[in-house]
Amino acid sequence: MTDTAEQTASAAERAASPQGDAGALREPVLSARRVIVKVGSSSVSGENAGQIEPLVDALAALHARGVEVVLVSSGAIATAIPFLELHGRPTDLATQQAAAAVGQNVLMWRYQTSLDRYDILAGQVLLTAGDLENATPRGNAQRAMERLLGLRILPIVNENDTVATHEIRFGDNDRLAALVAELVDADLLVLLSDVDALYTRPPQEPGAERIDVVAADDDLSTVELGDIGAAGVGTGGAGTKIQAAKFAAGSGTPVILTSTANVARALAGEVVGTWFDAAPRAVRD
């Protein structure tokens, strides 16, 4: 058996692993001092806008324990759709940029209104791909994030869709979340979606098995994703989440991939979703 085949087989075997084995890996959740949580457009916009409040409840519980929390939130364009009387997500760049300008304002207002219940102040951080690819703006972004966290402010990060173009953009906020986790040296990344975990194939199909744990060297190329986790109003899906999770885990940050409904349980260390075990961290200057 080749190395790739062995890695793929090991991931499939862990799909049915005992919860106790997976639970032992969740200990870093309770010891994490800096956590990134990423939520997608479909979870916080339209008829699901009501999920903002329980999401904030979970983040506030972390904040109350002294944990530094960063929220990476999609949803600006999707939030603007009813306000601009659009029939769906715009396809042309100019309307996308205009929708982002309107929707980001509404989205931040909704988050801050919910955070007010806990006397937590949010700080908006809008980034482009160039901000994290070039040394000077990357350093500026890192300094700003560190200062916000030091002031006990909850940064809410999104791609700056108003100025981003198709050529210079992250493409999805899963990738952005993984890069932010690396930027601030996070202890944990939680990627939220519409699906409760990663499966060997779309979960509605016969024979689909939940994958509880993914080791740092597991090959997931044979996992059949279909259209799971792609709700139509955002730009991500299961494929982008796997790529982001593997990147973050490879950089030394463990990842939980689960549904938005499970966020409180995930952050409490319960065995929900799929755990991506982290590779050993490189020595940093």
Foldseek 3Di string as FASTA:
>chain_A
DDPQVVLQVVLVVLLPPDQVVLLVLLVLLVVWQEEEEEDEQVCCADPNVVLLLVLLVLVLVCLVVNHQYEYEYDHQLRNQCVVVVHPARDDDLQSSLVSSVRSVVVSLVSNQVSCVVVPAAEDEDEAWQVLCVDDPSLVVSLVVSVVCSVVSHHYYYYHNSNPDDPVTGPQACLQVSLSVCLSNVGQEYEYAFAAFAAWLAPPVDPPIGGRAERELPRDSPNRHYPFARPPRRGRDHPVSNVVSQSSNLAQPHKYFYGHSVCSNVSSVSRRIYHIYHHDHHDDDD
